[in-house]
Amino acid sequence: MNRKDAIAWVLSVCAPCLRLLQAKTLSELVEAAVRCPRISLLRERTAG
């Protein structure tokens, strides 16, 4: 999934519940997350 598709999907699911500023913040977070290498936060939390 490319970056724009991921942002569009997340916003289409969440946008009805969010204000405009919250939707903008969420889109920026999703864009940053898509650019990051794949990591497993769940594994780190359960190991500690």
PDB file of N, CA and C in Angstrom:
ATOM      1  N   MET A   1       0.851  -1.175   0.000  1.00  0.00           N
ATOM      2  CA  MET A   1       0.000   0.000   0.000  1.00  0.00           C
ATOM      3  C   MET A   1       0.897   1.238   0.000  1.00  0.00           C
ATOM      4  N   ASN A   2       0.639   2.155  -0.904  1.00  0.00           N
ATOM      5  CA  ASN A   2       1.468   3.351  -0.920  1.00  0.00           C
ATOM      6  C   ASN A   2       0.994   4.360   0.133  1.00  0.00           C
ATOM      7  N   ARG A   3       1.778   5.380   0.317  1.00  0.00           N
ATOM      8  CA  ARG A   3       1.543   6.358   1.391  1.00  0.00           C
ATOM      9  C   ARG A   3       0.196   7.060   1.250  1.00  0.00           C
ATOM     10  N   LYS A   4      -0.124   7.518   0.062  1.00  0.00           N
ATOM     11  CA  LYS A   4      -1.384   8.249  -0.139  1.00  0.00           C
ATOM     12  C   LYS A   4      -2.595   7.353   0.069  1.00  0.00           C
ATOM     13  N   ASP A   5      -2.501   6.103  -0.359  1.00  0.00           N
ATOM     14  CA  ASP A   5      -3.605   5.168  -0.143  1.00  0.00           C
ATOM     15  C   ASP A   5      -3.822   4.902   1.344  1.00  0.00           C
ATOM     16  N   ALA A   6      -2.727   4.768   2.094  1.00  0.00           N
ATOM     17  CA  ALA A   6      -2.839   4.524   3.530  1.00  0.00           C
ATOM     18  C   ALA A   6      -3.473   5.703   4.242  1.00  0.00           C
ATOM     19  N   ILE A   7      -3.046   6.900   3.905  1.00  0.00           N
ATOM     20  CA  ILE A   7      -3.621   8.101   4.525  1.00  0.00           C
ATOM     21  C   ILE A   7      -5.100   8.217   4.181  1.00  0.00           C
ATOM     22  N   ALA A   8      -5.437   7.998   2.920  1.00  0.00           N
ATOM     23  CA  ALA A   8      -6.831   8.093   2.490  1.00  0.00           C
ATOM     24  C   ALA A   8      -7.701   7.062   3.204  1.00  0.00           C
ATOM     25  N   TRP A   9      -7.196   5.848   3.367  1.00  0.00           N
ATOM     26  CA  TRP A   9      -7.970   4.810   4.029  1.00  0.00           C
ATOM     27  C   TRP A   9      -8.217   5.151   5.501  1.00  0.00           C
ATOM     28  N   VAL A  10      -7.175   5.547   6.206  1.00  0.00           N
ATOM     29  CA  VAL A  10      -7.324   5.878   7.625  1.00  0.00           C
ATOM     30  C   VAL A  10      -8.295   7.039   7.792  1.00  0.00           C
ATOM     31  N   LEU A  11      -8.162   8.060   6.976  1.00  0.00           N
ATOM     32  CA  LEU A  11      -9.065   9.202   7.092  1.00  0.00           C
ATOM     33  C   LEU A  11     -10.493   8.854   6.716  1.00  0.00           C
ATOM     34  N   SER A  12     -10.685   7.970   5.750  1.00  0.00           N
ATOM     35  CA  SER A  12     -12.046   7.592   5.379  1.00  0.00           C
ATOM     36  C   SER A  12     -12.735   6.835   6.505  1.00  0.00           C
ATOM     37  N   VAL A  13     -11.959   6.096   7.273  1.00  0.00           N
ATOM     38  CA  VAL A  13     -12.528   5.356   8.401  1.00  0.00           C
ATOM     39  C   VAL A  13     -12.766   6.265   9.600  1.00  0.00           C
ATOM     40  N   CYS A  14     -11.830   7.160   9.864  1.00  0.00           N
ATOM     41  CA  CYS A  14     -11.862   7.961  11.082  1.00  0.00           C
ATOM     42  C   CYS A  14     -12.458   9.358  10.925  1.00  0.00           C
ATOM     43  N   ALA A  15     -12.476   9.894   9.720  1.00  0.00           N
ATOM     44  CA  ALA A  15     -12.876  11.289   9.505  1.00  0.00           C
ATOM     45  C   ALA A  15     -14.261  11.648  10.048  1.00  0.00           C
ATOM     46  N   PRO A  16     -15.265  10.791   9.934  1.00  0.00           N
ATOM     47  CA  PRO A  16     -16.578  11.190  10.448  1.00  0.00           C
ATOM     48  C   PRO A  16     -16.579  11.479  11.956  1.00  0.00           C
ATOM     49  N   CYS A  17     -15.627  10.937  12.679  1.00  0.00           N
ATOM     50  CA  CYS A  17     -15.581  11.109  14.123  1.00  0.00           C
ATOM     51  C   CYS A  17     -14.630  12.221  14.563  1.00  0.00           C
ATOM     52  N   LEU A  18     -13.867  12.784  13.627  1.00  0.00           N
ATOM     53  CA  LEU A  18     -12.815  13.726  13.989  1.00  0.00           C
ATOM     54  C   LEU A  18     -13.121  15.135  13.507  1.00  0.00           C
ATOM     55  N   ARG A  19     -12.586  16.107  14.231  1.00  0.00           N
ATOM     56  CA  ARG A  19     -12.617  17.488  13.767  1.00  0.00           C
ATOM     57  C   ARG A  19     -11.549  17.657  12.697  1.00  0.00           C
ATOM     58  N   LEU A  20     -11.607  18.757  11.955  1.00  0.00           N
ATOM     59  CA  LEU A  20     -10.669  18.986  10.862  1.00  0.00           C
ATOM     60  C   LEU A  20      -9.226  18.973  11.344  1.00  0.00           C
ATOM     61  N   LEU A  21      -8.931  19.632  12.447  1.00  0.00           N
ATOM     62  CA  LEU A  21      -7.564  19.673  12.955  1.00  0.00           C
ATOM     63  C   LEU A  21      -7.095  18.289  13.400  1.00  0.00           C
ATOM     64  N   GLN A  22      -7.982  17.512  14.012  1.00  0.00           N
ATOM     65  CA  GLN A  22      -7.624  16.154  14.421  1.00  0.00           C
ATOM     66  C   GLN A  22      -7.355  15.278  13.204  1.00  0.00           C
ATOM     67  N   ALA A  23      -8.146  15.434  12.155  1.00  0.00           N
ATOM     68  CA  ALA A  23      -7.940  14.659  10.935  1.00  0.00           C
ATOM     69  C   ALA A  23      -6.603  15.012  10.297  1.00  0.00           C
ATOM     70  N   LYS A  24      -6.252  16.294  10.321  1.00  0.00           N
ATOM     71  CA  LYS A  24      -4.968  16.716   9.756  1.00  0.00           C
ATOM     72  C   LYS A  24      -3.810  16.126  10.554  1.00  0.00           C
ATOM     73  N   THR A  25      -3.914  16.164  11.884  1.00  0.00           N
ATOM     74  CA  THR A  25      -2.874  15.592  12.735  1.00  0.00           C
ATOM     75  C   THR A  25      -2.746  14.095  12.494  1.00  0.00           C
ATOM     76  N   LEU A  26      -3.878  13.415  12.407  1.00  0.00           N
ATOM     77  CA  LEU A  26      -3.855  11.973  12.159  1.00  0.00           C
ATOM     78  C   LEU A  26      -3.214  11.659  10.816  1.00  0.00           C
ATOM     79  N   SER A  27      -3.513  12.431   9.797  1.00  0.00           N
ATOM     80  CA  SER A  27      -2.914  12.171   8.479  1.00  0.00           C
ATOM     81  C   SER A  27      -1.403  12.353   8.520  1.00  0.00           C
ATOM     82  N   GLU A  28      -0.923  13.337   9.291  1.00  0.00           N
ATOM     83  CA  GLU A  28       0.524  13.527   9.422  1.00  0.00           C
ATOM     84  C   GLU A  28       1.174  12.369  10.169  1.00  0.00           C
ATOM     85  N   LEU A  29       0.499  11.859  11.187  1.00  0.00           N
ATOM     86  CA  LEU A  29       1.029  10.711  11.933  1.00  0.00           C
ATOM     87  C   LEU A  29       1.070   9.455  11.070  1.00  0.00           C
ATOM     88  N   VAL A  30       0.029   9.246  10.287  1.00  0.00           N
ATOM     89  CA  VAL A  30      -0.013   8.081   9.409  1.00  0.00           C
ATOM     90  C   VAL A  30       1.089   8.183   8.356  1.00  0.00           C
ATOM     91  N   GLU A  31       1.272   9.380   7.801  1.00  0.00           N
ATOM     92  CA  GLU A  31       2.322   9.553   6.812  1.00  0.00           C
ATOM     93  C   GLU A  31       3.698   9.247   7.398  1.00  0.00           C
ATOM     94  N   ALA A  32       3.945   9.711   8.615  1.00  0.00           N
ATOM     95  CA  ALA A  32       5.231   9.437   9.268  1.00  0.00           C
ATOM     96  C   ALA A  32       5.393   7.947   9.559  1.00  0.00           C
ATOM     97  N   ALA A  33       4.323   7.309   9.991  1.00  0.00           N
ATOM     98  CA  ALA A  33       4.389   5.884  10.308  1.00  0.00           C
ATOM     99  C   ALA A  33       4.645   5.044   9.067  1.00  0.00           C
ATOM    100  N   VAL A  34       4.068   5.443   7.947  1.00  0.00           N
ATOM    101  CA  VAL A  34       4.259   4.691   6.707  1.00  0.00           C
ATOM    102  C   VAL A  34       5.713   4.780   6.249  1.00  0.00           C
ATOM    103  N   ARG A  35       6.361   5.907   6.512  1.00  0.00           N
ATOM    104  CA  ARG A  35       7.754   6.077   6.092  1.00  0.00           C
ATOM    105  C   ARG A  35       8.733   5.327   6.979  1.00  0.00           C
ATOM    106  N   CYS A  36       8.350   4.991   8.197  1.00  0.00           N
ATOM    107  CA  CYS A  36       9.259   4.315   9.126  1.00  0.00           C
ATOM    108  C   CYS A  36       9.451   2.860   8.716  1.00  0.00           C
ATOM    109  N   PRO A  37      10.630   2.312   9.021  1.00  0.00           N
ATOM    110  CA  PRO A  37      10.803   0.884   8.783  1.00  0.00           C
ATOM    111  C   PRO A  37       9.870   0.105   9.707  1.00  0.00           C
ATOM    112  N   ARG A  38       9.516  -1.062   9.287  1.00  0.00           N
ATOM    113  CA  ARG A  38       8.572  -1.871  10.057  1.00  0.00           C
ATOM    114  C   ARG A  38       9.186  -2.280  11.393  1.00  0.00           C
ATOM    115  N   ILE A  39       8.491  -1.972  12.466  1.00  0.00           N
ATOM    116  CA  ILE A  39       8.933  -2.352  13.803  1.00  0.00           C
ATOM    117  C   ILE A  39       7.760  -2.992  14.532  1.00  0.00           C
ATOM    118  N   SER A  40       8.070  -3.697  15.563  1.00  0.00           N
ATOM    119  CA  SER A  40       7.012  -4.344  16.333  1.00  0.00           C
ATOM    120  C   SER A  40       6.968  -3.741  17.730  1.00  0.00           C
ATOM    121  N   LEU A  41       6.056  -2.806  17.930  1.00  0.00           N
ATOM    122  CA  LEU A  41       5.909  -2.192  19.245  1.00  0.00           C
ATOM    123  C   LEU A  41       5.283  -3.176  20.234  1.00  0.00           C
ATOM    124  N   LEU A  42       4.394  -4.015  19.739  1.00  0.00           N
ATOM    125  CA  LEU A  42       3.747  -4.981  20.606  1.00  0.00           C
ATOM    126  C   LEU A  42       4.765  -5.940  21.216  1.00  0.00           C
ATOM    127  N   ARG A  43       5.684  -6.403  20.414  1.00  0.00           N
ATOM    128  CA  ARG A  43       6.701  -7.339  20.912  1.00  0.00           C
ATOM    129  C   ARG A  43       7.559  -6.662  21.995  1.00  0.00           C
ATOM    130  N   GLU A  44       7.925  -5.399  21.773  1.00  0.00           N
ATOM    131  CA  GLU A  44       8.746  -4.679  22.744  1.00  0.00           C
ATOM    132  C   GLU A  44       7.995  -4.481  24.055  1.00  0.00           C
ATOM    133  N   ARG A  45       6.725  -4.185  23.990  1.00  0.00           N
ATOM    134  CA  ARG A  45       5.937  -3.952  25.210  1.00  0.00           C
ATOM    135  C   ARG A  45       5.717  -5.245  25.994  1.00  0.00           C
ATOM    136  N   THR A  46       5.489  -6.326  25.290  1.00  0.00           N
ATOM    137  CA  THR A  46       5.220  -7.572  25.999  1.00  0.00           C
ATOM    138  C   THR A  46       6.509  -8.191  26.564  1.00  0.00           C
ATOM    139  N   ALA A  47       7.649  -7.856  25.966  1.00  0.00           N
ATOM    140  CA  ALA A  47       8.912  -8.416  26.440  1.00  0.00           C
ATOM    141  C   ALA A  47       9.383  -7.729  27.725  1.00  0.00           C
ATOM    142  N   GLY A  48       9.008  -6.455  27.898  1.00  0.00           N
ATOM    143  CA  GLY A  48       9.514  -5.689  29.029  1.00  0.00           C
ATOM    144  C   GLY A  48       8.676  -5.850  30.213  1.00  0.00           C
TER     145      GLY A  48
END
